[in-house]
C-alpha atoms as a PDB file:
ATOM      1  CA  MET A   1     -25.010-251.174 115.928  1.00  0.00           C
ATOM      2  CA  LEU A   2     -24.306-252.571 119.218  1.00  0.00           C
ATOM      3  CA  HIS A   3     -21.448-255.532 118.950  1.00  0.00           C
ATOM      4  CA  LEU A   4     -21.970-258.734 120.718  1.00  0.00           C
ATOM      5  CA  VAL A   5     -18.437-258.717 122.772  1.00  0.00           C
ATOM      6  CA  LYS A   6     -19.137-260.506 126.129  1.00  0.00           C
ATOM      7  CA  GLU A   7     -17.005-264.174 125.114  1.00  0.00           C
ATOM      8  CA  ASN A   8     -17.251-266.086 128.449  1.00  0.00           C
ATOM      9  CA  ILE A   9     -21.104-266.235 128.168  1.00  0.00           C
ATOM     10  CA  HIS A  10     -22.837-268.968 125.865  1.00  0.00           C
ATOM     11  CA  THR A  11     -25.562-266.875 124.082  1.00  0.00           C
ATOM     12  CA  ASP A  12     -28.536-268.360 122.344  1.00  0.00           C
ATOM     13  CA  SER A  13     -28.791-266.528 118.771  1.00  0.00           C
ATOM     14  CA  LYS A  14     -32.753-267.109 119.023  1.00  0.00           C
ATOM     15  CA  LYS A  15     -32.418-265.714 122.705  1.00  0.00           C
ATOM     16  CA  THR A  16     -30.562-262.687 121.233  1.00  0.00           C
ATOM     17  CA  SER A  17     -33.435-262.171 118.920  1.00  0.00           C
ATOM     18  CA  GLU A  18     -36.024-261.619 120.953  1.00  0.00           C
ATOM     19  CA  ILE A  19     -34.479-259.143 123.163  1.00  0.00           C
ATOM     20  CA  VAL A  20     -36.847-256.263 121.609  1.00  0.00           C
ATOM     21  CA  ASN A  21     -36.142-252.630 122.047  1.00  0.00           C
ATOM     22  CA  PRO A  22     -39.774-251.634 123.501  1.00  0.00           C
ATOM     23  CA  VAL A  23     -39.142-248.187 122.292  1.00  0.00           C
ATOM     24  CA  ALA A  24     -38.016-248.821 118.397  1.00  0.00           C
ATOM     25  CA  THR A  25     -39.800-246.803 116.945  1.00  0.00           C
ATOM     26  CA  LEU A  26     -39.298-243.304 118.308  1.00  0.00           C
ATOM     27  CA  TRP A  27     -35.111-243.955 120.100  1.00  0.00           C
ATOM     28  CA  ASP A  28     -32.303-245.682 119.385  1.00  0.00           C
ATOM     29  CA  ILE A  29     -29.933-248.032 122.411  1.00  0.00           C
ATOM     30  CA  GLU A  30     -26.696-248.430 122.859  1.00  0.00           C
ATOM     31  CA  LEU A  31     -24.894-249.575 125.167  1.00  0.00           C
ATOM     32  CA  PHE A  32     -21.696-249.138 126.010  1.00  0.00           C
ATOM     33  CA  TYR A  33     -18.721-250.513 128.953  1.00  0.00           C
ATOM     34  CA  GLY A  34     -15.795-249.022 129.901  1.00  0.00           C
ATOM     35  CA  LYS A  35     -14.116-247.675 133.001  1.00  0.00           C
ATOM     36  CA  HIS A  36     -15.388-243.873 134.685  1.00  0.00           C
ATOM     37  CA  PRO A  37     -13.180-241.428 137.284  1.00  0.00           C
ATOM     38  CA  ASN A  38     -17.081-243.014 139.529  1.00  0.00           C
ATOM     39  CA  TYR A  39     -15.753-245.980 139.583  1.00  0.00           C
ATOM     40  CA  THR A  40     -12.928-248.649 140.177  1.00  0.00           C
ATOM     41  CA  GLU A  41     -14.403-251.365 138.512  1.00  0.00           C
ATOM     42  CA  CYS A  42     -15.549-251.037 134.299  1.00  0.00           C
ATOM     43  CA  THR A  43     -19.233-249.866 133.975  1.00  0.00           C
ATOM     44  CA  TYR A  44     -22.030-249.495 132.001  1.00  0.00           C
ATOM     45  CA  SER A  45     -23.456-246.234 130.515  1.00  0.00           C
ATOM     46  CA  VAL A  46     -26.162-245.486 128.016  1.00  0.00           C
ATOM     47  CA  ASN A  47     -27.166-243.672 124.980  1.00  0.00           C
ATOM     48  CA  PHE A  48     -30.820-242.539 124.379  1.00  0.00           C
ATOM     49  CA  THR A  49     -30.350-240.887 120.499  1.00  0.00           C
ATOM     50  CA  THR A  50     -34.362-239.696 119.466  1.00  0.00           C
ATOM     51  CA  LYS A  51     -35.944-240.263 116.265  1.00  0.00           C
ATOM     52  CA  LEU A  52     -37.390-236.978 115.847  1.00  0.00           C
ATOM     53  CA  GLU A  53     -36.244-233.833 114.626  1.00  0.00           C
ATOM     54  CA  GLY A  54     -32.563-232.882 115.454  1.00  0.00           C
ATOM     55  CA  HIS A  55     -31.709-236.644 116.023  1.00  0.00           C
ATOM     56  CA  ALA A  56     -30.039-235.243 120.083  1.00  0.00           C
ATOM     57  CA  SER A  57     -29.064-237.838 121.879  1.00  0.00           C
ATOM     58  CA  ARG A  58     -28.085-237.929 125.590  1.00  0.00           C
ATOM     59  CA  CYS A  59     -25.607-240.999 127.465  1.00  0.00           C
ATOM     60  CA  TYR A  60     -26.513-241.665 131.239  1.00  0.00           C
ATOM     61  CA  LEU A  61     -24.449-244.219 133.480  1.00  0.00           C
ATOM     62  CA  VAL A  62     -27.226-247.366 133.775  1.00  0.00           C
ATOM     63  CA  ILE A  63     -26.551-247.735 137.398  1.00  0.00           C
ATOM     64  CA  ASP A  64     -27.983-243.694 137.881  1.00  0.00           C
ATOM     65  CA  LEU A  65     -31.184-244.692 135.702  1.00  0.00           C
ATOM     66  CA  ARG A  66     -33.365-245.870 138.776  1.00  0.00           C
ATOM     67  CA  GLU A  67     -32.151-243.164 141.266  1.00  0.00           C
ATOM     68  CA  HIS A  68     -32.343-240.756 138.722  1.00  0.00           C
ATOM     69  CA  PHE A  69     -35.364-241.714 137.015  1.00  0.00           C
ATOM     70  CA  ASP A  70     -38.053-238.770 136.994  1.00  0.00           C
ATOM     71  CA  GLU A  71     -35.001-236.308 136.400  1.00  0.00           C
ATOM     72  CA  TYR A  72     -33.849-238.120 133.350  1.00  0.00           C
ATOM     73  CA  LEU A  73     -37.342-238.497 132.144  1.00  0.00           C
ATOM     74  CA  ARG A  74     -37.830-234.972 131.919  1.00  0.00           C
ATOM     75  CA  GLU A  75     -34.746-234.390 130.275  1.00  0.00           C
ATOM     76  CA  LEU A  76     -35.214-236.714 127.251  1.00  0.00           C
ATOM     77  CA  ASN A  77     -38.899-235.775 126.829  1.00  0.00           C
ATOM     78  CA  VAL A  78     -36.784-232.376 126.620  1.00  0.00           C
ATOM     79  CA  PHE A  79     -35.964-233.145 122.870  1.00  0.00           C
ATOM     80  CA  GLY A  80     -37.957-236.587 122.051  1.00  0.00           C
ATOM     81  CA  SER A  81     -41.087-238.260 123.458  1.00  0.00           C
ATOM     82  CA  ILE A  82     -40.898-240.983 126.103  1.00  0.00           C
ATOM     83  CA  GLU A  83     -43.308-242.142 128.424  1.00  0.00           C
ATOM     84  CA  LYS A  84     -42.815-243.508 131.995  1.00  0.00           C
ATOM     85  CA  SER A  85     -44.299-246.214 131.521  1.00  0.00           C
ATOM     86  CA  GLU A  86     -41.785-246.646 128.175  1.00  0.00           C
ATOM     87  CA  LEU A  87     -39.008-245.170 130.553  1.00  0.00           C
ATOM     88  CA  HIS A  88     -39.473-249.007 133.032  1.00  0.00           C
ATOM     89  CA  LYS A  89     -39.299-251.203 129.994  1.00  0.00           C
ATOM     90  CA  THR A  90     -36.222-249.530 128.594  1.00  0.00           C
ATOM     91  CA  ILE A  91     -34.632-250.036 131.277  1.00  0.00           C
ATOM     92  CA  GLU A  92     -35.259-254.106 131.588  1.00  0.00           C
ATOM     93  CA  TYR A  93     -34.441-254.279 127.822  1.00  0.00           C
ATOM     94  CA  ILE A  94     -31.065-252.212 128.793  1.00  0.00           C
ATOM     95  CA  LYS A  95     -31.107-254.890 131.932  1.00  0.00           C
ATOM     96  CA  GLN A  96     -31.540-257.795 129.805  1.00  0.00           C
ATOM     97  CA  LEU A  97     -28.823-256.695 126.773  1.00  0.00           C
ATOM     98  CA  LYS A  98     -25.932-256.347 129.924  1.00  0.00           C
ATOM     99  CA  ILE A  99     -26.567-260.031 130.587  1.00  0.00           C
ATOM    100  CA  ASN A 100     -26.668-260.969 127.026  1.00  0.00           C
ATOM    101  CA  GLY A 101     -23.305-259.294 126.946  1.00  0.00           C
ATOM    102  CA  ILE A 102     -25.154-256.600 124.055  1.00  0.00           C
ATOM    103  CA  PHE A 103     -23.088-254.123 124.271  1.00  0.00           C
ATOM    104  CA  LYS A 104     -19.832-251.769 122.348  1.00  0.00           C
ATOM    105  CA  ARG A 105     -16.684-251.301 124.386  1.00  0.00           C
ATOM    106  CA  VAL A 106     -14.988-248.276 125.030  1.00  0.00           C
ATOM    107  CA  PRO A 107     -11.339-247.578 126.604  1.00  0.00           C
ATOM    108  CA  ASN A 108     -12.852-244.149 128.832  1.00  0.00           C
ATOM    109  CA  LEU A 109     -17.117-243.758 128.746  1.00  0.00           C
ATOM    110  CA  LEU A 110     -16.627-240.015 129.204  1.00  0.00           C
ATOM    111  CA  SER A 111     -15.673-240.171 125.575  1.00  0.00           C
ATOM    112  CA  VAL A 112     -19.200-241.392 124.367  1.00  0.00           C
ATOM    113  CA  MET A 113     -21.112-239.824 127.277  1.00  0.00           C
ATOM    114  CA  GLU A 114     -23.126-236.676 125.529  1.00  0.00           C
ATOM    115  CA  GLY A 115     -24.269-233.761 127.632  1.00  0.00           C
ATOM    116  CA  LYS A 116     -21.259-231.999 128.634  1.00  0.00           C
ATOM    117  CA  ALA A 117     -19.659-228.943 127.042  1.00  0.00           C
ATOM    118  CA  GLY A 118     -16.681-229.302 125.048  1.00  0.00           C
ATOM    119  CA  SER A 119     -13.137-228.441 125.662  1.00  0.00           C
ATOM    120  CA  ASP A 120     -13.356-224.985 124.734  1.00  0.00           C
ATOM    121  CA  GLU A 121     -16.070-223.986 125.983  1.00  0.00           C
ATOM    122  CA  SER A 122     -14.767-225.724 129.342  1.00  0.00           C
ATOM    123  CA  LEU A 123     -12.341-223.601 129.522  1.00  0.00           C
ATOM    124  CA  GLU A 124     -13.820-220.338 128.788  1.00  0.00           C
ATOM    125  CA  LEU A 125     -16.143-220.773 131.389  1.00  0.00           C
ATOM    126  CA  PHE A 126     -13.496-221.625 133.355  1.00  0.00           C
ATOM    127  CA  GLU A 127     -12.107-219.083 133.463  1.00  0.00           C
ATOM    128  CA  LEU A 128     -15.207-216.840 133.944  1.00  0.00           C
ATOM    129  CA  VAL A 129     -15.256-218.455 136.686  1.00  0.00           C
ATOM    130  CA  MET A 130     -11.927-217.641 137.761  1.00  0.00           C
ATOM    131  CA  GLU A 131     -11.830-213.899 137.419  1.00  0.00           C
ATOM    132  CA  ALA A 132     -14.638-213.969 139.187  1.00  0.00           C
ATOM    133  CA  VAL A 133     -13.227-215.283 142.483  1.00  0.00           C
ATOM    134  CA  GLN A 134     -10.080-213.415 141.700  1.00  0.00           C
ATOM    135  CA  SER A 135     -12.428-210.043 141.494  1.00  0.00           C
ATOM    136  CA  ASP A 136     -14.487-210.570 144.743  1.00  0.00           C
ATOM    137  CA  PRO A 137     -11.672-212.458 146.684  1.00  0.00           C
ATOM    138  CA  ASP A 138     -13.508-211.165 149.695  1.00  0.00           C
ATOM    139  CA  ALA A 139     -16.515-213.459 149.159  1.00  0.00           C
ATOM    140  CA  PHE A 140     -14.121-216.323 148.798  1.00  0.00           C
ATOM    141  CA  PRO A 141     -12.468-217.235 152.424  1.00  0.00           C
ATOM    142  CA  SER A 142      -9.888-219.819 153.348  1.00  0.00           C
ATOM    143  CA  VAL A 143     -10.666-222.755 155.965  1.00  0.00           C
ATOM    144  CA  SER A 144      -8.813-221.823 157.617  1.00  0.00           C
ATOM    145  CA  SER A 145      -9.527-218.370 158.490  1.00  0.00           C
ATOM    146  CA  ASN A 146     -13.252-219.611 159.983  1.00  0.00           C
ATOM    147  CA  LEU A 147     -14.893-216.804 157.901  1.00  0.00           C
ATOM    148  CA  TYR A 148     -16.824-218.278 156.112  1.00  0.00           C
ATOM    149  CA  LYS A 149     -20.717-217.453 156.511  1.00  0.00           C
ATOM    150  CA  HIS A 150     -23.742-219.287 155.224  1.00  0.00           C
ATOM    151  CA  ARG A 151     -25.441-217.532 152.126  1.00  0.00           C
ATOM    152  CA  VAL A 152     -22.863-214.510 152.689  1.00  0.00           C
ATOM    153  CA  SER A 153     -19.900-216.194 151.533  1.00  0.00           C
ATOM    154  CA  SER A 154     -19.486-217.446 147.668  1.00  0.00           C
ATOM    155  CA  GLY A 155     -17.403-220.305 148.153  1.00  0.00           C
ATOM    156  CA  VAL A 156     -13.868-220.951 150.629  1.00  0.00           C
ATOM    157  CA  VAL A 157      -9.913-221.239 149.211  1.00  0.00           C
ATOM    158  CA  LEU A 158      -9.115-225.380 150.969  1.00  0.00           C
ATOM    159  CA  ASP A 159      -5.537-224.483 152.126  1.00  0.00           C
ATOM    160  CA  THR A 160      -5.975-226.867 154.954  1.00  0.00           C
ATOM    161  CA  ASP A 161      -3.583-230.086 154.798  1.00  0.00           C
ATOM    162  CA  GLN A 162      -6.384-232.161 154.985  1.00  0.00           C
ATOM    163  CA  TYR A 163      -7.947-230.246 152.102  1.00  0.00           C
ATOM    164  CA  ILE A 164      -4.903-230.178 149.894  1.00  0.00           C
ATOM    165  CA  THR A 165      -3.863-233.716 150.097  1.00  0.00           C
ATOM    166  CA  LYS A 166      -7.192-234.438 148.861  1.00  0.00           C
ATOM    167  CA  TYR A 167      -7.502-232.052 145.720  1.00  0.00           C
ATOM    168  CA  GLY A 168      -4.284-230.090 145.455  1.00  0.00           C
ATOM    169  CA  HIS A 169      -2.824-226.850 146.454  1.00  0.00           C
ATOM    170  CA  GLY A 170      -4.798-224.052 145.317  1.00  0.00           C
ATOM    171  CA  ALA A 171      -8.227-225.773 145.023  1.00  0.00           C
ATOM    172  CA  LEU A 172     -11.703-223.494 145.406  1.00  0.00           C
ATOM    173  CA  ALA A 173     -14.778-224.840 146.730  1.00  0.00           C
ATOM    174  CA  ILE A 174     -17.582-222.418 145.160  1.00  0.00           C
ATOM    175  CA  THR A 175     -21.595-222.690 146.334  1.00  0.00           C
ATOM    176  CA  THR A 176     -23.725-223.530 143.741  1.00  0.00           C
ATOM    177  CA  GLU A 177     -25.509-220.834 144.080  1.00  0.00           C
ATOM    178  CA  ALA A 178     -22.594-218.483 142.960  1.00  0.00           C
ATOM    179  CA  LEU A 179     -22.246-220.328 140.023  1.00  0.00           C
ATOM    180  CA  LEU A 180     -25.321-219.641 138.937  1.00  0.00           C
ATOM    181  CA  GLU A 181     -24.796-216.164 139.130  1.00  0.00           C
ATOM    182  CA  ILE A 182     -21.893-216.310 137.893  1.00  0.00           C
ATOM    183  CA  LEU A 183     -22.402-218.733 134.596  1.00  0.00           C
ATOM    184  CA  ASN A 184     -25.487-215.894 134.953  1.00  0.00           C
ATOM    185  CA  LEU A 185     -28.046-219.192 135.084  1.00  0.00           C
ATOM    186  CA  ASP A 186     -31.251-218.855 137.951  1.00  0.00           C
ATOM    187  CA  GLU A 187     -31.652-220.735 140.781  1.00  0.00           C
ATOM    188  CA  GLY A 188     -34.025-223.129 138.756  1.00  0.00           C
ATOM    189  CA  SER A 189     -31.677-223.902 136.760  1.00  0.00           C
ATOM    190  CA  THR A 190     -29.664-227.223 139.088  1.00  0.00           C
ATOM    191  CA  LYS A 191     -31.397-229.852 137.368  1.00  0.00           C
ATOM    192  CA  SER A 192     -31.598-228.036 133.684  1.00  0.00           C
ATOM    193  CA  ILE A 193     -29.768-229.409 130.593  1.00  0.00           C
ATOM    194  CA  ARG A 194     -27.953-226.645 130.352  1.00  0.00           C
ATOM    195  CA  PHE A 195     -26.358-226.430 134.123  1.00  0.00           C
ATOM    196  CA  MET A 196     -25.565-230.339 133.561  1.00  0.00           C
ATOM    197  CA  GLU A 197     -23.552-229.637 130.615  1.00  0.00           C
ATOM    198  CA  ILE A 198     -21.328-226.904 132.269  1.00  0.00           C
ATOM    199  CA  THR A 199     -20.585-229.097 135.262  1.00  0.00           C
ATOM    200  CA  ARG A 200     -19.947-232.665 133.736  1.00  0.00           C
ATOM    201  CA  GLY A 201     -17.591-230.322 130.426  1.00  0.00           C
ATOM    202  CA  PHE A 202     -15.420-229.219 133.629  1.00  0.00           C
ATOM    203  CA  LEU A 203     -15.414-232.577 135.348  1.00  0.00           C
ATOM    204  CA  ALA A 204     -14.394-234.440 131.502  1.00  0.00           C
ATOM    205  CA  ASN A 205     -11.869-231.428 130.980  1.00  0.00           C
ATOM    206  CA  GLY A 206     -10.431-231.875 134.373  1.00  0.00           C
ATOM    207  CA  TYR A 207     -11.371-228.168 136.158  1.00  0.00           C
ATOM    208  CA  LEU A 208     -14.038-229.926 137.940  1.00  0.00           C
ATOM    209  CA  LEU A 209     -12.166-232.201 140.772  1.00  0.00           C
ATOM    210  CA  LYS A 210     -14.410-235.036 142.308  1.00  0.00           C
ATOM    211  CA  ARG A 211     -13.036-237.412 145.104  1.00  0.00           C
ATOM    212  CA  ASN A 212     -16.869-238.916 146.310  1.00  0.00           C
ATOM    213  CA  ARG A 213     -17.727-241.723 145.043  1.00  0.00           C
ATOM    214  CA  GLY A 214     -21.619-241.301 144.937  1.00  0.00           C
ATOM    215  CA  PRO A 215     -23.085-239.354 141.336  1.00  0.00           C
ATOM    216  CA  ARG A 216     -23.677-235.975 142.911  1.00  0.00           C
ATOM    217  CA  LEU A 217     -20.957-233.749 141.819  1.00  0.00           C
ATOM    218  CA  GLN A 218     -20.213-231.428 144.260  1.00  0.00           C
ATOM    219  CA  GLU A 219     -17.926-231.928 147.523  1.00  0.00           C
ATOM    220  CA  PRO A 220     -18.632-232.976 151.335  1.00  0.00           C
ATOM    221  CA  ILE A 221     -16.649-229.600 152.723  1.00  0.00           C
ATOM    222  CA  ARG A 222     -16.322-228.261 156.225  1.00  0.00           C
ATOM    223  CA  PRO A 223     -15.796-224.554 155.630  1.00  0.00           C
ATOM    224  CA  ASN A 224     -14.718-223.506 158.590  1.00  0.00           C
ATOM    225  CA  LEU A 225     -11.525-225.685 160.351  1.00  0.00           C
ATOM    226  CA  TYR A 226     -13.344-225.031 163.551  1.00  0.00           C
ATOM    227  CA  SER A 227     -16.814-226.172 163.014  1.00  0.00           C
ATOM    228  CA  LYS A 228     -18.114-229.950 162.653  1.00  0.00           C
ATOM    229  CA  GLU A 229     -20.816-228.643 159.978  1.00  0.00           C
ATOM    230  CA  VAL A 230     -19.940-230.373 156.271  1.00  0.00           C
ATOM    231  CA  LYS A 231     -21.966-228.195 153.197  1.00  0.00           C
ATOM    232  CA  ARG A 232     -21.936-229.570 149.023  1.00  0.00           C
ATOM    233  CA  PHE A 233     -19.928-227.819 146.917  1.00  0.00           C
ATOM    234  CA  TYR A 234     -17.959-227.620 142.974  1.00  0.00           C
ATOM    235  CA  VAL A 235     -14.575-228.020 143.763  1.00  0.00           C
ATOM    236  CA  PHE A 236     -12.433-226.101 141.481  1.00  0.00           C
ATOM    237  CA  LYS A 237      -8.829-226.707 140.950  1.00  0.00           C
ATOM    238  CA  GLY A 238      -7.135-222.899 141.680  1.00  0.00           C
ATOM    239  CA  ASP A 239      -4.505-222.142 139.470  1.00  0.00           C
ATOM    240  CA  GLY A 240      -6.848-222.641 136.358  1.00  0.00           C
ATOM    241  CA  THR A 241      -4.636-225.990 134.882  1.00  0.00           C
ATOM    242  CA  ALA A 242      -6.295-228.867 134.430  1.00  0.00           C
ATOM    243  CA  GLN A 243      -6.701-232.042 136.399  1.00  0.00           C
ATOM    244  CA  ASP A 244      -6.832-235.726 136.216  1.00  0.00           C
ATOM    245  CA  ALA A 245     -10.589-236.405 137.408  1.00  0.00           C
END
């Protein structure tokens, strides 16, 4: 159930009643407003719950809906049913919910966003990642060593002053390919529900460090000290201690 919580806008009850969920026969749509680590200001997330068998749900940041339209459309159709035109109409419906102040206020949007691994599973998988790193240290040279090789190295230890200031001591950058291999997922899994669950869980539980303001969880890193080439990596807290995202 959604609650009208915005008090500084006079909302006509008749107008509000005219805001109709265009996919109400198949989906419950719920809008949330609160803090998110990607943004300094409060923002919105929307939860899609299917009325089909299983009643599975996914929650996305509203600001990402158009940019990741095709990705989210495919994901929602894994456990529910929604046409492209219906999702477009739903986005317009969500816009009207925002305008008319029909949302539920929460302290932290991550607390309501579905599709992330739980804390116990995240810890177990994080330990798996750290064990893989420790078993093959040569695959993870330090940035200052200038020994990182694309498609050969699995990542880099972020040991320069710049990265220590940004990510703390012991932070480790891992390539997407290496992370998929450690997690025993194939290369086609980078956009899969399971891979997103795991990486979002890492972020929510403080093991994955995200400092960029965009939607991507990978960070832009210069893996070699004397090269200006930038690549994207998943950056982990390296000593096994969860850190605030």
